[in-house]
Amino acid sequence: MKIKIGPLDRAFSKFIRLLSGGYCKRCWLLKLPKPYKGWKNLDCAHFHTRSKRATRWDADNVAPLCMGCHLYLDTHHYEKIEFFMEILGKERFDALDERANQIKKFSKEELKELEIEYKQKIKELGNDN
């Protein structure tokens, strides 16, 4: 079953990718930093699947990655764990894991508030188009 992508998902993804300055987080850590022609050419890669709504829009659960790194980590589970553990630290990684395994239901109003929040953050970054 394909997960539906809505306005909140698009705003969240854009915000995460804009924060990167156009750089893949994994390439950067591997000391291979090269800009990917802006944020539009990066993926917003989730550690825990988007079907886990408790962490779907959690900034700790995602990293801006180039397509190559995204595909690589999605097919190398242990390296993906190590990558997220390295960028978060053990304490935040464990807290993320705990949050991901909780059931969270959002009301329509909460989802709209999150969407507005991320759109505001995008404006603050100076890229609201």
Foldseek 3Di string as FASTA:
>chain_A
DDDDQDLLNVLLFLLQLQVVQQWFPVCVVVVNTDGPPGSVQWGFAFLDDCVLVLCNSPSLGTTTHGPVVNVVCVVVVVVVLVSSCVVQPPVRSVVSVVSSPDHDDDDPVRSVVSSVVSLVSCVVSVHND
